[in-house]
Amino acid sequence: MADTHMDQMAIESWESILRKIQDSYCKLILITGEGKTGKTTLLRQLVDQFQMPQINVGEELSRKLLALELDERPRQTDALLAELIGQAGADRVALDNTEILFEPELALKPLEALKAVARSRLILATWNGRLTGTTLTFAAPGHPAHRVYPLDRHSDVLVHSTEVIKP
């Protein structure tokens, strides 16, 4: 179960991270972990602490996609995501429930899409997957949305794992 309290040391650590990344070309921080590992809890704490708008990407993006014809959705998803984030009107935006970005029907490159919107503002996003060594994954092997990202090719992305590795 996730800790619901953020201590002063954790707050100062996150403040330092947010300050440092603010000047980077890509301002993307992923909070990664499998289901029920505290991603959303941590994101909400950071949203409250640093007064950032939070977007439920699954809910908001689906609403926009429903207005489009099926064959238009893959071509418009990147622009709709950028529009959603732009509407927040802030230089720091938190994204939760990002799983929709991995839907095979959208033919999106999720990490690249997040990096693109993180050029103009700091993006703090949950990622339902795993960080193992220097590899970031989404979904289990065999799942239609399964993705593997070697982080040496994405060194401009900060990744924070909420999972505790047990021996």
Foldseek 3Di string as FASTA:
>chain_A
DDDLDDDPVNLVVVVVLQVVLFPPQFQAEEAEEAPPLCSVSVLVVCCVSVVAAEDACVVQLVVVLVVDDLVCQLVCSLVSVLVVVVVSVDQEYEYENQCVQLPVSNVHPVVVSNRVSRRRHHYYYYANFDDDPQKTWHDDPPPSSIDIDRCVVVVSYHYHYSDDDDD
